[in-house]
Amino acid sequence: MNDVLVRAEGLDVNEVPDGYVIYQTAADRVHYLNKTAAIVFELCDGRGAEDIIARVSQMFEVEGTADGDIEACIQSLLKEGLVLSRSK
């Protein structure tokens, strides 16, 4: 997989004590990201999904045990249009 993940444009990202509140201008939608999802969102800066999964797993010291949950978070961000997949 050569795709990298990047944050979508046109997002108004606001940090709150327990994560992010993101206003998606084009869709006129508001999204709430908990702390873990906010970390995943921040790591979508041109990295591949495998790198993001490895980094989040290492941060939370859950290497290998939470890969499916982190992947599901990435897929949710993609589905909602907060993150985009681009070819390298």
N, C-alpha and C. Protein backbone atom coordinates (compact mmCIF):
# COMPACT_ATOMS: atom_id res chain seq x y z
N MET A 1 0.85 -1.18 0.00
CA MET A 1 0.00 0.00 0.00
C MET A 1 0.89 1.23 0.00
N ASN A 2 0.76 2.06 -1.02
CA ASN A 2 1.57 3.26 -1.12
C ASN A 2 0.80 4.52 -0.78
N ASP A 3 -0.43 4.37 -0.34
CA ASP A 3 -1.24 5.53 -0.01
C ASP A 3 -0.79 6.14 1.32
N VAL A 4 -0.92 7.46 1.38
CA VAL A 4 -0.66 8.18 2.62
C VAL A 4 -1.94 8.88 3.02
N LEU A 5 -2.05 9.19 4.28
CA LEU A 5 -3.25 9.83 4.82
C LEU A 5 -2.95 11.28 5.16
N VAL A 6 -3.86 12.15 4.74
CA VAL A 6 -3.72 13.58 5.02
C VAL A 6 -5.05 14.11 5.54
N ARG A 7 -4.97 15.13 6.37
CA ARG A 7 -6.18 15.77 6.87
C ARG A 7 -6.85 16.54 5.74
N ALA A 8 -8.16 16.51 5.71
CA ALA A 8 -8.92 17.23 4.69
C ALA A 8 -8.81 18.73 4.92
N GLU A 9 -9.01 19.49 3.87
CA GLU A 9 -9.01 20.94 3.99
C GLU A 9 -10.41 21.41 4.35
N GLY A 10 -10.51 22.64 4.79
CA GLY A 10 -11.81 23.22 5.12
C GLY A 10 -12.37 22.75 6.44
N LEU A 11 -11.48 22.35 7.36
CA LEU A 11 -11.91 21.90 8.67
C LEU A 11 -11.56 22.95 9.71
N ASP A 12 -12.48 23.21 10.60
CA ASP A 12 -12.24 24.11 11.73
C ASP A 12 -12.03 23.22 12.94
N VAL A 13 -10.78 23.04 13.33
CA VAL A 13 -10.41 22.12 14.40
C VAL A 13 -10.24 22.89 15.70
N ASN A 14 -10.98 22.46 16.72
CA ASN A 14 -10.92 23.10 18.03
C ASN A 14 -10.59 22.06 19.08
N GLU A 15 -9.51 22.32 19.82
CA GLU A 15 -9.12 21.42 20.89
C GLU A 15 -10.00 21.68 22.10
N VAL A 16 -10.51 20.60 22.68
CA VAL A 16 -11.28 20.66 23.91
C VAL A 16 -10.58 19.73 24.90
N PRO A 17 -10.91 19.81 26.20
CA PRO A 17 -10.19 19.01 27.19
C PRO A 17 -10.12 17.51 26.90
N ASP A 18 -11.13 16.95 26.27
CA ASP A 18 -11.11 15.51 26.05
C ASP A 18 -11.05 15.12 24.58
N GLY A 19 -10.45 15.97 23.74
CA GLY A 19 -10.27 15.63 22.32
C GLY A 19 -10.40 16.84 21.42
N TYR A 20 -11.06 16.64 20.30
CA TYR A 20 -11.28 17.72 19.32
C TYR A 20 -12.74 17.80 18.96
N VAL A 21 -13.18 19.01 18.69
CA VAL A 21 -14.45 19.25 18.03
C VAL A 21 -14.08 19.84 16.67
N ILE A 22 -14.54 19.20 15.61
CA ILE A 22 -14.18 19.61 14.26
C ILE A 22 -15.44 19.97 13.48
N TYR A 23 -15.43 21.18 12.95
CA TYR A 23 -16.53 21.62 12.09
C TYR A 23 -16.09 21.45 10.65
N GLN A 24 -16.86 20.66 9.92
CA GLN A 24 -16.58 20.37 8.52
C GLN A 24 -17.41 21.35 7.68
N THR A 25 -16.77 22.39 7.20
CA THR A 25 -17.44 23.49 6.53
C THR A 25 -18.26 23.02 5.33
N ALA A 26 -17.66 22.29 4.42
CA ALA A 26 -18.32 21.89 3.17
C ALA A 26 -19.58 21.06 3.43
N ALA A 27 -19.55 20.21 4.42
CA ALA A 27 -20.69 19.34 4.71
C ALA A 27 -21.60 19.92 5.79
N ASP A 28 -21.20 21.04 6.39
CA ASP A 28 -21.94 21.66 7.49
C ASP A 28 -22.22 20.64 8.59
N ARG A 29 -21.14 19.96 9.02
CA ARG A 29 -21.24 18.92 10.04
C ARG A 29 -20.24 19.18 11.14
N VAL A 30 -20.58 18.72 12.33
CA VAL A 30 -19.69 18.80 13.48
C VAL A 30 -19.33 17.38 13.90
N HIS A 31 -18.05 17.18 14.20
CA HIS A 31 -17.55 15.86 14.62
C HIS A 31 -16.84 16.02 15.96
N TYR A 32 -17.00 15.04 16.82
CA TYR A 32 -16.28 15.01 18.09
C TYR A 32 -15.28 13.86 18.02
N LEU A 33 -14.01 14.15 18.29
CA LEU A 33 -12.98 13.12 18.36
C LEU A 33 -12.48 13.02 19.78
N ASN A 34 -12.49 11.80 20.33
CA ASN A 34 -11.90 11.63 21.66
C ASN A 34 -10.39 11.78 21.55
N LYS A 35 -9.69 11.68 22.65
CA LYS A 35 -8.24 11.92 22.66
C LYS A 35 -7.49 10.98 21.72
N THR A 36 -7.87 9.72 21.72
CA THR A 36 -7.18 8.76 20.85
C THR A 36 -7.43 9.08 19.39
N ALA A 37 -8.67 9.36 19.03
CA ALA A 37 -8.99 9.70 17.64
C ALA A 37 -8.29 11.00 17.23
N ALA A 38 -8.15 11.94 18.17
CA ALA A 38 -7.46 13.20 17.87
C ALA A 38 -5.98 12.94 17.57
N ILE A 39 -5.37 12.01 18.28
CA ILE A 39 -3.98 11.65 18.01
C ILE A 39 -3.86 11.03 16.63
N VAL A 40 -4.76 10.11 16.31
CA VAL A 40 -4.75 9.48 14.98
C VAL A 40 -4.92 10.56 13.91
N PHE A 41 -5.86 11.47 14.11
CA PHE A 41 -6.12 12.56 13.18
C PHE A 41 -4.85 13.39 12.97
N GLU A 42 -4.15 13.74 14.04
CA GLU A 42 -2.93 14.54 13.94
C GLU A 42 -1.83 13.82 13.18
N LEU A 43 -1.77 12.51 13.31
CA LEU A 43 -0.74 11.74 12.63
C LEU A 43 -1.01 11.58 11.13
N CYS A 44 -2.18 11.97 10.70
CA CYS A 44 -2.52 11.91 9.27
C CYS A 44 -1.92 13.15 8.60
N ASP A 45 -0.62 13.12 8.47
CA ASP A 45 0.13 14.26 7.92
C ASP A 45 1.03 13.83 6.77
N GLY A 46 0.59 12.80 6.06
CA GLY A 46 1.38 12.27 4.96
C GLY A 46 2.02 10.94 5.29
N ARG A 47 1.65 10.35 6.39
CA ARG A 47 2.15 9.02 6.78
C ARG A 47 1.22 7.95 6.23
N GLY A 48 1.74 6.75 6.14
CA GLY A 48 0.93 5.61 5.76
C GLY A 48 0.16 5.08 6.96
N ALA A 49 -0.91 4.34 6.70
CA ALA A 49 -1.74 3.79 7.78
C ALA A 49 -0.94 2.88 8.70
N GLU A 50 -0.04 2.08 8.13
CA GLU A 50 0.75 1.16 8.95
C GLU A 50 1.62 1.91 9.95
N ASP A 51 2.19 3.03 9.51
CA ASP A 51 3.03 3.85 10.39
C ASP A 51 2.19 4.45 11.51
N ILE A 52 1.01 4.94 11.17
CA ILE A 52 0.12 5.53 12.17
C ILE A 52 -0.28 4.49 13.21
N ILE A 53 -0.66 3.32 12.74
CA ILE A 53 -1.05 2.24 13.65
C ILE A 53 0.10 1.88 14.59
N ALA A 54 1.30 1.76 14.04
CA ALA A 54 2.47 1.40 14.85
C ALA A 54 2.77 2.49 15.89
N ARG A 55 2.68 3.75 15.49
CA ARG A 55 3.00 4.85 16.41
C ARG A 55 1.97 4.95 17.54
N VAL A 56 0.69 4.84 17.21
CA VAL A 56 -0.35 4.92 18.24
C VAL A 56 -0.24 3.73 19.19
N SER A 57 -0.01 2.56 18.65
CA SER A 57 0.17 1.36 19.48
C SER A 57 1.32 1.54 20.46
N GLN A 58 2.41 2.10 19.96
CA GLN A 58 3.58 2.32 20.81
C GLN A 58 3.30 3.39 21.87
N MET A 59 2.60 4.47 21.48
CA MET A 59 2.28 5.54 22.44
C MET A 59 1.50 5.02 23.63
N PHE A 60 0.54 4.14 23.34
CA PHE A 60 -0.32 3.62 24.40
C PHE A 60 0.16 2.28 24.95
N GLU A 61 1.33 1.84 24.49
CA GLU A 61 1.94 0.59 24.93
C GLU A 61 0.98 -0.59 24.78
N VAL A 62 0.33 -0.65 23.61
CA VAL A 62 -0.60 -1.75 23.32
C VAL A 62 -0.22 -2.41 21.99
N GLU A 63 1.07 -2.43 21.70
CA GLU A 63 1.55 -2.92 20.42
C GLU A 63 0.94 -4.27 20.06
N GLY A 64 0.29 -4.30 18.90
CA GLY A 64 -0.31 -5.53 18.39
C GLY A 64 -1.71 -5.82 18.88
N THR A 65 -2.05 -5.35 20.07
CA THR A 65 -3.35 -5.72 20.64
C THR A 65 -4.49 -4.79 20.21
N ALA A 66 -4.17 -3.60 19.76
CA ALA A 66 -5.21 -2.64 19.42
C ALA A 66 -5.18 -2.23 17.94
N ASP A 67 -4.43 -2.96 17.14
CA ASP A 67 -4.29 -2.60 15.72
C ASP A 67 -5.64 -2.50 15.02
N GLY A 68 -6.53 -3.42 15.30
CA GLY A 68 -7.86 -3.41 14.67
C GLY A 68 -8.66 -2.18 15.06
N ASP A 69 -8.57 -1.78 16.31
CA ASP A 69 -9.28 -0.58 16.78
C ASP A 69 -8.73 0.68 16.14
N ILE A 70 -7.41 0.75 16.02
CA ILE A 70 -6.79 1.92 15.40
C ILE A 70 -7.14 1.98 13.92
N GLU A 71 -7.11 0.84 13.25
CA GLU A 71 -7.51 0.77 11.84
C GLU A 71 -8.96 1.20 11.68
N ALA A 72 -9.83 0.78 12.59
CA ALA A 72 -11.25 1.18 12.53
C ALA A 72 -11.38 2.69 12.69
N CYS A 73 -10.57 3.28 13.55
CA CYS A 73 -10.58 4.73 13.73
C CYS A 73 -10.17 5.42 12.44
N ILE A 74 -9.12 4.94 11.81
CA ILE A 74 -8.67 5.51 10.53
C ILE A 74 -9.78 5.40 9.49
N GLN A 75 -10.42 4.23 9.41
CA GLN A 75 -11.49 4.04 8.43
C GLN A 75 -12.66 4.98 8.71
N SER A 76 -12.96 5.22 9.96
CA SER A 76 -14.03 6.14 10.32
C SER A 76 -13.70 7.57 9.90
N LEU A 77 -12.45 7.99 10.13
CA LEU A 77 -12.01 9.33 9.72
C LEU A 77 -12.09 9.48 8.20
N LEU A 78 -11.73 8.42 7.49
CA LEU A 78 -11.82 8.42 6.03
C LEU A 78 -13.28 8.51 5.57
N LYS A 79 -14.12 7.69 6.18
CA LYS A 79 -15.54 7.66 5.82
C LYS A 79 -16.22 9.01 6.03
N GLU A 80 -15.86 9.68 7.11
CA GLU A 80 -16.46 10.97 7.43
C GLU A 80 -15.86 12.12 6.63
N GLY A 81 -14.79 11.84 5.89
CA GLY A 81 -14.19 12.87 5.07
C GLY A 81 -13.27 13.81 5.82
N LEU A 82 -12.88 13.44 7.03
CA LEU A 82 -11.95 14.25 7.80
C LEU A 82 -10.51 14.02 7.37
N VAL A 83 -10.28 12.83 6.81
CA VAL A 83 -8.97 12.42 6.35
C VAL A 83 -9.13 11.90 4.93
N LEU A 84 -8.12 12.13 4.12
CA LEU A 84 -8.13 11.67 2.73
C LEU A 84 -6.94 10.75 2.49
N SER A 85 -7.11 9.80 1.60
CA SER A 85 -6.04 8.89 1.20
C SER A 85 -5.51 9.36 -0.13
N ARG A 86 -4.19 9.53 -0.20
CA ARG A 86 -3.55 9.99 -1.43
C ARG A 86 -2.38 9.08 -1.79
N SER A 87 -2.14 8.92 -3.07
CA SER A 87 -0.99 8.15 -3.52
C SER A 87 0.28 8.96 -3.28
N LYS A 88 1.36 8.25 -2.96
CA LYS A 88 2.64 8.92 -2.73
C LYS A 88 3.14 9.54 -4.00
